[in-house]
Amino acid sequence: MEEKVTLAGKEYLMEEGIYTPIVKENSFERQGGTYKMEELEEGMEVLIPNMAIPEKIDLKKLNRWGRMRLNFLKENKEEDYQIMYLQGTLMDHLLFKEKEIEDFITREEVKMMETWGLTEELKEEDYLKYLRLKKNMDMTLQEIGEKEIILI
């Protein structure tokens, strides 16, 4: 059963030991953050954020795209980074972005090879020209993927 309580001049809705602020005063509260009551020594009680311990980010599991997305979030979207980190969804997000860009590159490579004239005939006739065009196309695809998927 939900009840309205006032602690230190702030109103909360309390249900099953979880305190939800009525007036959201910070980004944690605006993102749905709640509190729980913890007892300290000598019977003193305090409200602490009701959060799980943040996940560890295992850089060994990330490829260059995942690490690039992680750095982008830290440097440019700090609030999004902190929210995902504290909610335990950051690693899943990074792995999803890795897969998204890899799928994009695989899908678009087939289309671009035809557009750029990268054919088996060219490969047989002028292998060095084919390699230069292929390398240029690969770098272009990576740059597009980086701008359209990683850095947004």
N, C-alpha and C. Protein backbone atom coordinates (compact mmCIF):
# COMPACT_ATOMS: atom_id res chain seq x y z
N MET A 1 0.84 -1.17 0.00
CA MET A 1 0.00 0.00 0.00
C MET A 1 0.88 1.24 0.00
N GLU A 2 0.57 2.17 -0.88
CA GLU A 2 1.35 3.39 -1.04
C GLU A 2 0.91 4.44 -0.04
N GLU A 3 1.88 5.10 0.59
CA GLU A 3 1.54 6.18 1.51
C GLU A 3 2.47 7.36 1.26
N LYS A 4 1.98 8.54 1.57
CA LYS A 4 2.74 9.77 1.40
C LYS A 4 3.46 10.08 2.71
N VAL A 5 4.81 10.30 2.62
CA VAL A 5 5.59 10.62 3.81
C VAL A 5 6.45 11.85 3.52
N THR A 6 6.78 12.57 4.57
CA THR A 6 7.65 13.74 4.45
C THR A 6 8.89 13.48 5.31
N LEU A 7 10.03 13.59 4.67
CA LEU A 7 11.32 13.40 5.36
C LEU A 7 12.20 14.60 5.05
N ALA A 8 12.71 15.25 6.07
CA ALA A 8 13.59 16.42 5.93
C ALA A 8 12.97 17.45 4.99
N GLY A 9 11.65 17.65 5.09
CA GLY A 9 10.97 18.66 4.30
C GLY A 9 10.68 18.28 2.85
N LYS A 10 10.93 17.04 2.48
CA LYS A 10 10.68 16.58 1.12
C LYS A 10 9.65 15.47 1.15
N GLU A 11 8.71 15.53 0.20
CA GLU A 11 7.63 14.55 0.16
C GLU A 11 7.98 13.38 -0.75
N TYR A 12 7.61 12.19 -0.28
CA TYR A 12 7.85 10.95 -1.01
C TYR A 12 6.58 10.10 -1.00
N LEU A 13 6.45 9.28 -2.02
CA LEU A 13 5.47 8.19 -1.97
C LEU A 13 6.26 6.96 -1.57
N MET A 14 5.81 6.28 -0.50
CA MET A 14 6.53 5.13 0.00
C MET A 14 5.68 3.88 -0.16
N GLU A 15 6.28 2.87 -0.82
CA GLU A 15 5.60 1.60 -1.01
C GLU A 15 6.63 0.49 -0.88
N GLU A 16 6.37 -0.44 0.03
CA GLU A 16 7.25 -1.59 0.27
C GLU A 16 8.70 -1.17 0.50
N GLY A 17 8.91 -0.10 1.26
CA GLY A 17 10.25 0.34 1.62
C GLY A 17 10.96 1.15 0.55
N ILE A 18 10.30 1.44 -0.57
CA ILE A 18 10.89 2.22 -1.65
C ILE A 18 10.27 3.62 -1.62
N TYR A 19 11.13 4.63 -1.58
CA TYR A 19 10.70 6.02 -1.50
C TYR A 19 10.87 6.68 -2.87
N THR A 20 9.75 7.14 -3.43
CA THR A 20 9.75 7.82 -4.72
C THR A 20 9.45 9.29 -4.48
N PRO A 21 10.39 10.18 -4.85
CA PRO A 21 10.15 11.60 -4.60
C PRO A 21 8.98 12.12 -5.46
N ILE A 22 8.15 12.94 -4.86
CA ILE A 22 7.02 13.51 -5.59
C ILE A 22 7.52 14.60 -6.53
N VAL A 23 8.38 15.48 -6.02
CA VAL A 23 8.99 16.53 -6.84
C VAL A 23 10.39 16.05 -7.21
N LYS A 24 10.63 15.92 -8.52
CA LYS A 24 11.92 15.42 -9.02
C LYS A 24 12.90 16.59 -9.09
N GLU A 25 13.95 16.57 -8.29
CA GLU A 25 14.87 17.71 -8.17
C GLU A 25 16.20 17.52 -8.89
N ASN A 26 16.54 16.32 -9.30
CA ASN A 26 17.82 16.10 -9.98
C ASN A 26 17.65 15.07 -11.09
N SER A 27 18.71 14.87 -11.88
CA SER A 27 18.60 13.97 -13.03
C SER A 27 18.33 12.53 -12.59
N PHE A 28 18.88 12.11 -11.46
CA PHE A 28 18.61 10.75 -10.96
C PHE A 28 17.12 10.57 -10.73
N GLU A 29 16.50 11.52 -10.09
CA GLU A 29 15.07 11.44 -9.81
C GLU A 29 14.24 11.58 -11.07
N ARG A 30 14.65 12.46 -11.98
CA ARG A 30 13.91 12.63 -13.24
C ARG A 30 13.97 11.37 -14.10
N GLN A 31 15.02 10.58 -13.94
CA GLN A 31 15.15 9.34 -14.69
C GLN A 31 14.45 8.18 -13.99
N GLY A 32 13.68 8.48 -12.97
CA GLY A 32 12.93 7.44 -12.28
C GLY A 32 13.62 6.89 -11.04
N GLY A 33 14.68 7.57 -10.59
CA GLY A 33 15.43 7.11 -9.42
C GLY A 33 14.59 7.12 -8.15
N THR A 34 14.78 6.11 -7.35
CA THR A 34 14.09 5.99 -6.07
C THR A 34 15.12 5.81 -4.96
N TYR A 35 14.63 5.78 -3.72
CA TYR A 35 15.51 5.66 -2.56
C TYR A 35 15.01 4.54 -1.65
N LYS A 36 15.92 4.07 -0.80
CA LYS A 36 15.53 3.11 0.23
C LYS A 36 16.15 3.58 1.55
N MET A 37 15.51 3.19 2.63
CA MET A 37 15.96 3.59 3.97
C MET A 37 17.00 2.58 4.45
N GLU A 38 18.13 3.10 4.91
CA GLU A 38 19.18 2.26 5.48
C GLU A 38 19.43 2.70 6.90
N GLU A 39 19.61 1.75 7.78
CA GLU A 39 19.89 2.08 9.17
C GLU A 39 21.40 2.10 9.39
N LEU A 40 21.85 3.20 9.96
CA LEU A 40 23.26 3.34 10.31
C LEU A 40 23.42 2.94 11.77
N GLU A 41 24.58 3.17 12.32
CA GLU A 41 24.83 2.85 13.73
C GLU A 41 23.94 3.69 14.65
N GLU A 42 23.68 3.18 15.81
CA GLU A 42 22.93 3.85 16.86
C GLU A 42 21.52 4.25 16.43
N GLY A 43 20.89 3.47 15.54
CA GLY A 43 19.50 3.70 15.17
C GLY A 43 19.26 4.84 14.21
N MET A 44 20.30 5.47 13.70
CA MET A 44 20.14 6.57 12.76
C MET A 44 19.78 6.00 11.39
N GLU A 45 18.79 6.59 10.72
CA GLU A 45 18.36 6.12 9.40
C GLU A 45 18.59 7.21 8.35
N VAL A 46 18.98 6.78 7.16
CA VAL A 46 19.19 7.71 6.04
C VAL A 46 18.61 7.10 4.77
N LEU A 47 18.20 7.98 3.85
CA LEU A 47 17.77 7.52 2.53
C LEU A 47 18.99 7.44 1.63
N ILE A 48 19.11 6.32 0.92
CA ILE A 48 20.20 6.18 -0.05
C ILE A 48 19.58 5.82 -1.39
N PRO A 49 20.24 6.18 -2.49
CA PRO A 49 19.70 5.83 -3.81
C PRO A 49 19.50 4.32 -3.93
N ASN A 50 18.39 3.94 -4.48
CA ASN A 50 18.03 2.54 -4.67
C ASN A 50 18.59 2.10 -6.02
N MET A 51 19.87 1.67 -6.03
CA MET A 51 20.53 1.30 -7.27
C MET A 51 21.32 0.02 -7.08
N ALA A 52 21.49 -0.67 -8.18
CA ALA A 52 22.36 -1.84 -8.18
C ALA A 52 23.80 -1.34 -8.30
N ILE A 53 24.73 -2.16 -7.92
CA ILE A 53 26.14 -1.82 -8.09
C ILE A 53 26.42 -1.78 -9.59
N PRO A 54 27.04 -0.71 -10.07
CA PRO A 54 27.29 -0.59 -11.51
C PRO A 54 28.12 -1.75 -12.05
N GLU A 55 27.83 -2.09 -13.30
CA GLU A 55 28.55 -3.18 -13.95
C GLU A 55 29.97 -2.74 -14.29
N LYS A 56 30.83 -3.70 -14.43
CA LYS A 56 32.19 -3.43 -14.88
C LYS A 56 32.18 -3.45 -16.40
N ILE A 57 32.93 -2.55 -17.00
CA ILE A 57 33.05 -2.53 -18.46
C ILE A 57 34.30 -3.33 -18.80
N ASP A 58 34.10 -4.44 -19.51
CA ASP A 58 35.20 -5.32 -19.89
C ASP A 58 35.70 -4.92 -21.27
N LEU A 59 36.76 -4.13 -21.29
CA LEU A 59 37.30 -3.64 -22.56
C LEU A 59 37.80 -4.77 -23.45
N LYS A 60 38.13 -5.92 -22.86
CA LYS A 60 38.59 -7.06 -23.65
C LYS A 60 37.48 -7.60 -24.55
N LYS A 61 36.23 -7.39 -24.15
CA LYS A 61 35.09 -7.88 -24.94
C LYS A 61 34.68 -6.90 -26.04
N LEU A 62 35.28 -5.72 -26.05
CA LEU A 62 34.90 -4.70 -27.02
C LEU A 62 35.91 -4.61 -28.15
N ASN A 63 35.40 -4.44 -29.36
CA ASN A 63 36.30 -4.19 -30.48
C ASN A 63 36.49 -2.68 -30.62
N ARG A 64 37.10 -2.25 -31.69
CA ARG A 64 37.40 -0.82 -31.84
C ARG A 64 36.15 0.03 -31.84
N TRP A 65 35.04 -0.50 -32.39
CA TRP A 65 33.80 0.27 -32.45
C TRP A 65 33.20 0.45 -31.05
N GLY A 66 33.23 -0.57 -30.25
CA GLY A 66 32.70 -0.48 -28.89
C GLY A 66 33.51 0.48 -28.04
N ARG A 67 34.83 0.43 -28.18
CA ARG A 67 35.69 1.35 -27.42
C ARG A 67 35.49 2.79 -27.91
N MET A 68 35.32 2.95 -29.22
CA MET A 68 35.09 4.29 -29.77
C MET A 68 33.76 4.86 -29.26
N ARG A 69 32.72 4.02 -29.21
CA ARG A 69 31.42 4.47 -28.71
C ARG A 69 31.52 4.82 -27.22
N LEU A 70 32.24 4.01 -26.46
CA LEU A 70 32.44 4.27 -25.03
C LEU A 70 33.11 5.63 -24.83
N ASN A 71 34.17 5.90 -25.56
CA ASN A 71 34.86 7.18 -25.45
C ASN A 71 33.96 8.34 -25.86
N PHE A 72 33.19 8.14 -26.93
CA PHE A 72 32.26 9.19 -27.39
C PHE A 72 31.24 9.52 -26.29
N LEU A 73 30.67 8.49 -25.68
CA LEU A 73 29.69 8.72 -24.62
C LEU A 73 30.31 9.46 -23.44
N LYS A 74 31.50 9.03 -23.03
CA LYS A 74 32.18 9.66 -21.89
C LYS A 74 32.47 11.14 -22.16
N GLU A 75 32.90 11.44 -23.39
CA GLU A 75 33.35 12.79 -23.71
C GLU A 75 32.23 13.72 -24.16
N ASN A 76 31.17 13.17 -24.78
CA ASN A 76 30.16 14.02 -25.40
C ASN A 76 28.74 13.85 -24.86
N LYS A 77 28.46 12.73 -24.28
CA LYS A 77 27.11 12.47 -23.76
C LYS A 77 27.24 11.88 -22.36
N GLU A 78 27.84 12.67 -21.49
CA GLU A 78 28.18 12.19 -20.15
C GLU A 78 26.95 11.73 -19.37
N GLU A 79 25.84 12.46 -19.50
CA GLU A 79 24.64 12.07 -18.76
C GLU A 79 24.11 10.71 -19.25
N ASP A 80 24.07 10.52 -20.58
CA ASP A 80 23.64 9.22 -21.12
C ASP A 80 24.56 8.10 -20.64
N TYR A 81 25.87 8.38 -20.66
CA TYR A 81 26.87 7.41 -20.20
C TYR A 81 26.60 7.03 -18.74
N GLN A 82 26.41 8.02 -17.89
CA GLN A 82 26.20 7.76 -16.47
C GLN A 82 24.91 6.99 -16.22
N ILE A 83 23.86 7.36 -16.93
CA ILE A 83 22.58 6.67 -16.75
C ILE A 83 22.70 5.20 -17.14
N MET A 84 23.29 4.94 -18.32
CA MET A 84 23.44 3.54 -18.76
C MET A 84 24.36 2.78 -17.82
N TYR A 85 25.41 3.43 -17.36
CA TYR A 85 26.36 2.78 -16.44
C TYR A 85 25.66 2.39 -15.15
N LEU A 86 24.92 3.33 -14.57
CA LEU A 86 24.25 3.08 -13.30
C LEU A 86 23.09 2.10 -13.44
N GLN A 87 22.43 2.08 -14.60
CA GLN A 87 21.33 1.14 -14.81
C GLN A 87 21.82 -0.24 -15.23
N GLY A 88 23.12 -0.36 -15.50
CA GLY A 88 23.67 -1.66 -15.88
C GLY A 88 23.41 -2.03 -17.33
N THR A 89 23.17 -1.04 -18.19
CA THR A 89 22.87 -1.33 -19.59
C THR A 89 23.98 -0.88 -20.54
N LEU A 90 25.07 -0.33 -20.01
CA LEU A 90 26.12 0.23 -20.86
C LEU A 90 26.80 -0.83 -21.72
N MET A 91 27.20 -1.94 -21.13
CA MET A 91 27.90 -2.98 -21.89
C MET A 91 27.01 -3.52 -23.00
N ASP A 92 25.73 -3.75 -22.72
CA ASP A 92 24.81 -4.21 -23.76
C ASP A 92 24.70 -3.18 -24.89
N HIS A 93 24.65 -1.91 -24.53
CA HIS A 93 24.57 -0.84 -25.52
C HIS A 93 25.81 -0.85 -26.42
N LEU A 94 26.99 -0.98 -25.81
CA LEU A 94 28.23 -0.97 -26.59
C LEU A 94 28.30 -2.16 -27.53
N LEU A 95 27.91 -3.33 -27.05
CA LEU A 95 27.91 -4.53 -27.90
C LEU A 95 26.89 -4.40 -29.03
N PHE A 96 25.74 -3.79 -28.74
CA PHE A 96 24.73 -3.56 -29.76
C PHE A 96 25.27 -2.63 -30.85
N LYS A 97 25.95 -1.56 -30.46
CA LYS A 97 26.52 -0.62 -31.44
C LYS A 97 27.58 -1.30 -32.29
N GLU A 98 28.39 -2.17 -31.68
CA GLU A 98 29.38 -2.93 -32.45
C GLU A 98 28.70 -3.75 -33.54
N LYS A 99 27.66 -4.48 -33.16
CA LYS A 99 26.95 -5.32 -34.12
C LYS A 99 26.27 -4.48 -35.18
N GLU A 100 25.70 -3.34 -34.77
CA GLU A 100 25.01 -2.47 -35.71
C GLU A 100 25.96 -1.97 -36.80
N ILE A 101 27.16 -1.53 -36.42
CA ILE A 101 28.08 -1.01 -37.43
C ILE A 101 28.65 -2.14 -38.29
N GLU A 102 28.91 -3.30 -37.69
CA GLU A 102 29.41 -4.42 -38.48
C GLU A 102 28.37 -4.88 -39.50
N ASP A 103 27.10 -4.92 -39.09
CA ASP A 103 26.03 -5.28 -40.03
C ASP A 103 25.90 -4.24 -41.13
N PHE A 104 26.02 -2.97 -40.77
CA PHE A 104 25.95 -1.89 -41.76
C PHE A 104 27.06 -2.05 -42.80
N ILE A 105 28.28 -2.26 -42.34
CA ILE A 105 29.42 -2.39 -43.27
C ILE A 105 29.24 -3.60 -44.17
N THR A 106 28.82 -4.72 -43.61
CA THR A 106 28.61 -5.93 -44.41
C THR A 106 27.53 -5.71 -45.46
N ARG A 107 26.44 -5.09 -45.07
CA ARG A 107 25.30 -4.86 -45.97
C ARG A 107 25.66 -3.86 -47.07
N GLU A 108 26.31 -2.78 -46.71
CA GLU A 108 26.61 -1.72 -47.68
C GLU A 108 27.80 -2.07 -48.58
N GLU A 109 28.68 -2.93 -48.12
CA GLU A 109 29.85 -3.29 -48.92
C GLU A 109 29.44 -3.90 -50.26
N VAL A 110 28.45 -4.76 -50.23
CA VAL A 110 27.98 -5.42 -51.46
C VAL A 110 27.48 -4.37 -52.45
N LYS A 111 26.69 -3.42 -51.96
CA LYS A 111 26.15 -2.37 -52.84
C LYS A 111 27.27 -1.49 -53.39
N MET A 112 28.21 -1.11 -52.51
CA MET A 112 29.27 -0.19 -52.93
C MET A 112 30.26 -0.84 -53.89
N MET A 113 30.49 -2.14 -53.75
CA MET A 113 31.43 -2.80 -54.67
C MET A 113 30.95 -2.65 -56.10
N GLU A 114 29.67 -2.83 -56.31
CA GLU A 114 29.11 -2.69 -57.66
C GLU A 114 29.21 -1.24 -58.13
N THR A 115 28.85 -0.31 -57.27
CA THR A 115 28.88 1.11 -57.61
C THR A 115 30.31 1.57 -57.91
N TRP A 116 31.28 1.10 -57.17
CA TRP A 116 32.66 1.51 -57.35
C TRP A 116 33.37 0.73 -58.47
N GLY A 117 32.68 -0.21 -59.08
CA GLY A 117 33.28 -0.99 -60.17
C GLY A 117 34.27 -2.04 -59.71
N LEU A 118 34.11 -2.52 -58.49
CA LEU A 118 35.00 -3.55 -57.97
C LEU A 118 34.47 -4.92 -58.40
N THR A 119 34.89 -5.33 -59.56
CA THR A 119 34.41 -6.58 -60.15
C THR A 119 35.55 -7.60 -60.20
N GLU A 120 35.17 -8.85 -60.45
CA GLU A 120 36.18 -9.90 -60.62
C GLU A 120 37.05 -9.62 -61.85
N GLU A 121 36.45 -9.01 -62.86
CA GLU A 121 37.22 -8.67 -64.08
C GLU A 121 38.33 -7.68 -63.75
N LEU A 122 37.98 -6.63 -62.98
CA LEU A 122 39.00 -5.65 -62.58
C LEU A 122 40.07 -6.32 -61.72
N LYS A 123 39.65 -7.21 -60.85
CA LYS A 123 40.59 -7.90 -59.98
C LYS A 123 41.60 -8.70 -60.79
N GLU A 124 41.13 -9.32 -61.87
CA GLU A 124 42.03 -10.12 -62.73
C GLU A 124 42.88 -9.25 -63.63
N GLU A 125 42.32 -8.15 -64.12
CA GLU A 125 43.03 -7.27 -65.07
C GLU A 125 44.07 -6.39 -64.38
N ASP A 126 43.67 -5.74 -63.29
CA ASP A 126 44.57 -4.80 -62.61
C ASP A 126 44.38 -4.95 -61.10
N TYR A 127 45.09 -5.93 -60.56
CA TYR A 127 44.90 -6.28 -59.16
C TYR A 127 45.26 -5.12 -58.23
N LEU A 128 46.31 -4.37 -58.52
CA LEU A 128 46.70 -3.26 -57.66
C LEU A 128 45.64 -2.16 -57.64
N LYS A 129 45.06 -1.87 -58.79
CA LYS A 129 43.98 -0.88 -58.85
C LYS A 129 42.78 -1.38 -58.03
N TYR A 130 42.47 -2.65 -58.17
CA TYR A 130 41.36 -3.25 -57.41
C TYR A 130 41.62 -3.09 -55.91
N LEU A 131 42.85 -3.40 -55.45
CA LEU A 131 43.19 -3.28 -54.03
C LEU A 131 43.08 -1.85 -53.53
N ARG A 132 43.58 -0.88 -54.34
CA ARG A 132 43.48 0.53 -53.94
C ARG A 132 42.03 0.96 -53.79
N LEU A 133 41.20 0.61 -54.78
CA LEU A 133 39.78 0.96 -54.72
C LEU A 133 39.09 0.28 -53.53
N LYS A 134 39.42 -0.98 -53.30
CA LYS A 134 38.80 -1.74 -52.19
C LYS A 134 39.18 -1.12 -50.85
N LYS A 135 40.45 -0.77 -50.69
CA LYS A 135 40.90 -0.15 -49.44
C LYS A 135 40.20 1.20 -49.23
N ASN A 136 40.11 1.99 -50.30
CA ASN A 136 39.44 3.28 -50.23
C ASN A 136 37.97 3.09 -49.88
N MET A 137 37.32 2.12 -50.47
CA MET A 137 35.91 1.84 -50.19
C MET A 137 35.73 1.40 -48.73
N ASP A 138 36.61 0.52 -48.26
CA ASP A 138 36.52 0.06 -46.87
C ASP A 138 36.66 1.22 -45.89
N MET A 139 37.60 2.11 -46.15
CA MET A 139 37.80 3.26 -45.28
C MET A 139 36.59 4.20 -45.33
N THR A 140 36.00 4.35 -46.51
CA THR A 140 34.81 5.19 -46.65
C THR A 140 33.65 4.59 -45.87
N LEU A 141 33.46 3.29 -45.98
CA LEU A 141 32.39 2.62 -45.24
C LEU A 141 32.58 2.78 -43.73
N GLN A 142 33.80 2.62 -43.28
CA GLN A 142 34.08 2.76 -41.85
C GLN A 142 33.81 4.19 -41.39
N GLU A 143 34.18 5.17 -42.20
CA GLU A 143 33.94 6.57 -41.84
C GLU A 143 32.45 6.88 -41.79
N ILE A 144 31.70 6.38 -42.76
CA ILE A 144 30.24 6.58 -42.76
C ILE A 144 29.63 5.93 -41.54
N GLY A 145 30.01 4.69 -41.27
CA GLY A 145 29.47 3.97 -40.10
C GLY A 145 29.81 4.69 -38.81
N GLU A 146 31.02 5.18 -38.71
CA GLU A 146 31.44 5.90 -37.51
C GLU A 146 30.57 7.15 -37.30
N LYS A 147 30.36 7.92 -38.37
CA LYS A 147 29.59 9.16 -38.25
C LYS A 147 28.09 8.89 -38.05
N GLU A 148 27.56 7.84 -38.67
CA GLU A 148 26.12 7.60 -38.63
C GLU A 148 25.68 6.70 -37.47
N ILE A 149 26.59 5.91 -36.91
CA ILE A 149 26.19 4.96 -35.87
C ILE A 149 26.90 5.22 -34.54
N ILE A 150 28.20 5.40 -34.59
CA ILE A 150 28.99 5.53 -33.36
C ILE A 150 28.90 6.92 -32.75
N LEU A 151 28.98 7.94 -33.59
CA LEU A 151 29.09 9.31 -33.08
C LEU A 151 27.78 10.08 -33.15
N ILE A 152 26.70 9.44 -32.77
CA ILE A 152 25.40 10.14 -32.71
C ILE A 152 24.80 9.97 -31.34
